[in-house]
Amino acid sequence: LARLVELLRPRAKRLTDFVEKGRPFLVDAVEYDADAVKRHLSSADALAHLAAVRDACAAAPAFTAAALEPAIRALAETRGVKAGVLIHPTRVAVVGRAESPGIFEVLELLGRDRALARMDHALQVFAPQG
C-alpha cells in the first residue's frame, strides 16, 4: 500500500484522488473508460500492439520497471512505432483509463500475473466481433 501511495502522490491533488486513482490497483475487475477504449483499444492495430506488449511482458526475465521499460521501448522500435503507440493501449488494458502513473511502474506494482491477466482480458473483450 505504501508503494501505491508513493506512485500516486505526484498525481493526487486531493485525498479523494488517491481513492479514485488507486482503485485499479485494489480491485480485480478493471472498469474501462469508454473514451479511453475508443481512443486506444478500438483498432486492430492497437490490439495487435497490445498483444505484442503482452508477449514481451510475459517473456521478461524480471517483472520490474527497470526490465520492462527497455523491453517495451525495443519492441516499439522493432515494430516501427513510437513507444506511446504501445504504452497507451497497455495502460487502458491494465487500469482502464488513458491516464495513470508511469506505465512501467504500474505494471511492476500490479505484478506479472495480474498485468498479463488484464491484458488478456482486454484482448478478448475488445477483439472485433464477427
Protein backbone atom coordinates (compact mmCIF):
# COMPACT_ATOMS: atom_id res chain seq x y z
CA LEU A 1 0.00 0.00 0.00
CA ALA A 2 2.90 2.35 0.74
CA ARG A 3 4.28 1.78 -2.78
CA LEU A 4 0.86 2.58 -4.25
CA VAL A 5 0.60 5.83 -2.29
CA GLU A 6 4.08 6.88 -3.40
CA LEU A 7 3.23 6.06 -7.01
CA LEU A 8 0.02 8.09 -6.88
CA ARG A 9 1.31 11.03 -4.81
CA PRO A 10 2.63 13.17 -7.72
CA ARG A 11 -0.75 13.00 -9.49
CA ALA A 12 -3.04 13.34 -6.47
CA LYS A 13 -4.21 16.81 -5.58
CA ARG A 14 -6.91 15.80 -3.07
CA LEU A 15 -7.29 12.87 -0.73
CA THR A 16 -10.16 11.57 -2.86
CA ASP A 17 -7.73 11.37 -5.81
CA PHE A 18 -5.91 8.56 -4.00
CA VAL A 19 -9.14 6.59 -3.81
CA GLU A 20 -10.11 7.20 -7.43
CA LYS A 21 -6.66 6.69 -8.93
CA GLY A 22 -5.82 3.79 -6.62
CA ARG A 23 -8.96 1.77 -7.37
CA PRO A 24 -7.49 -0.15 -10.35
CA PHE A 25 -4.75 -1.48 -8.08
CA LEU A 26 -7.08 -2.61 -5.31
CA VAL A 27 -9.81 -4.42 -7.24
CA ASP A 28 -9.64 -7.38 -9.58
CA ALA A 29 -12.04 -6.21 -12.30
CA VAL A 30 -10.98 -3.29 -14.48
CA GLU A 31 -13.60 -0.64 -15.16
CA TYR A 32 -12.92 0.71 -18.64
CA ASP A 33 -13.40 4.36 -19.53
CA ALA A 34 -15.34 4.34 -22.82
CA ASP A 35 -13.43 7.29 -24.27
CA ALA A 36 -10.08 5.71 -23.43
CA VAL A 37 -11.14 2.44 -25.06
CA LYS A 38 -12.35 4.28 -28.15
CA ARG A 39 -9.08 6.19 -28.47
CA HIS A 40 -6.63 3.44 -27.60
CA LEU A 41 -8.18 -0.04 -27.95
CA SER A 42 -10.67 0.16 -30.78
CA SER A 43 -8.45 -0.63 -33.75
CA ALA A 44 -6.95 -3.89 -34.92
CA ASP A 45 -3.51 -2.24 -34.86
CA ALA A 46 -3.91 -1.21 -31.23
CA LEU A 47 -4.93 -4.73 -30.26
CA ALA A 48 -2.00 -6.20 -32.19
CA HIS A 49 0.36 -3.84 -30.37
CA LEU A 50 -1.21 -4.80 -27.04
CA ALA A 51 -0.77 -8.49 -27.84
CA ALA A 52 2.89 -7.86 -28.64
CA VAL A 53 3.39 -5.97 -25.37
CA ARG A 54 1.66 -8.80 -23.52
CA ASP A 55 4.08 -11.32 -25.04
CA ALA A 56 7.08 -9.12 -24.25
CA CYS A 57 5.92 -8.76 -20.64
CA ALA A 58 5.36 -12.50 -20.34
CA ALA A 59 8.88 -13.14 -21.62
CA ALA A 60 10.59 -10.53 -19.42
CA PRO A 61 13.09 -12.25 -17.11
CA ALA A 62 12.20 -9.80 -14.32
CA PHE A 63 8.87 -8.05 -13.95
CA THR A 64 10.28 -4.72 -12.84
CA ALA A 65 10.00 -1.23 -14.30
CA ALA A 66 13.74 -1.32 -14.96
CA ALA A 67 13.40 -4.51 -17.03
CA LEU A 68 10.07 -3.75 -18.72
CA GLU A 69 10.85 -0.26 -19.98
CA PRO A 70 13.77 -1.18 -22.26
CA ALA A 71 11.92 -4.30 -23.46
CA ILE A 72 8.82 -2.34 -24.46
CA ARG A 73 10.81 0.51 -25.97
CA ALA A 74 12.82 -2.00 -28.02
CA LEU A 75 9.57 -3.63 -29.10
CA ALA A 76 8.30 -0.25 -30.31
CA GLU A 77 11.47 0.25 -32.33
CA THR A 78 11.14 -3.24 -33.82
CA ARG A 79 7.52 -2.52 -34.77
CA GLY A 80 8.48 0.85 -36.24
CA VAL A 81 6.29 2.91 -33.92
CA LYS A 82 6.79 5.37 -31.08
CA ALA A 83 6.67 3.84 -27.61
CA GLY A 84 3.42 5.67 -26.86
CA VAL A 85 1.65 3.63 -29.53
CA LEU A 86 2.32 0.58 -27.33
CA ILE A 87 2.04 2.28 -23.96
CA HIS A 88 -1.43 3.80 -24.37
CA PRO A 89 -3.29 0.57 -25.20
CA THR A 90 -1.38 -1.17 -22.41
CA ARG A 91 -2.38 1.48 -19.89
CA VAL A 92 -6.05 1.26 -20.84
CA ALA A 93 -5.92 -2.54 -20.70
CA VAL A 94 -4.40 -2.67 -17.21
CA VAL A 95 -6.02 0.31 -15.44
CA GLY A 96 -8.99 1.08 -17.68
CA ARG A 97 -8.06 4.72 -18.20
CA ALA A 98 -5.98 6.87 -20.52
CA GLU A 99 -4.02 8.34 -17.63
CA SER A 100 -2.07 6.74 -14.81
CA PRO A 101 1.32 6.94 -13.19
CA GLY A 102 4.20 5.71 -15.35
CA ILE A 103 3.16 2.52 -17.12
CA PHE A 104 6.32 0.62 -16.26
CA GLU A 105 5.85 1.31 -12.54
CA VAL A 106 2.15 0.45 -12.86
CA LEU A 107 2.98 -2.91 -14.44
CA GLU A 108 5.54 -3.69 -11.74
CA LEU A 109 3.13 -2.79 -8.95
CA LEU A 110 0.34 -4.90 -10.45
CA GLY A 111 2.71 -7.83 -10.84
CA ARG A 112 3.17 -10.19 -13.75
CA ASP A 113 0.09 -12.37 -13.19
CA ARG A 114 -2.41 -9.51 -12.73
CA ALA A 115 -0.97 -7.41 -15.55
CA LEU A 116 -0.98 -10.31 -18.02
CA ALA A 117 -4.49 -11.34 -16.98
CA ARG A 118 -5.74 -7.80 -17.55
CA MET A 119 -4.10 -7.60 -20.97
CA ASP A 120 -5.57 -10.99 -21.90
CA HIS A 121 -9.00 -9.83 -20.74
CA ALA A 122 -8.81 -6.62 -22.79
CA LEU A 123 -7.67 -8.54 -25.87
CA GLN A 124 -10.66 -10.83 -25.50
CA VAL A 125 -13.25 -8.16 -24.67
CA PHE A 126 -12.23 -5.66 -27.33
CA ALA A 127 -11.46 -8.10 -30.16
CA PRO A 128 -13.50 -7.32 -33.25
CA GLN A 129 -16.72 -9.30 -33.38
CA GLY A 130 -17.52 -11.22 -36.48
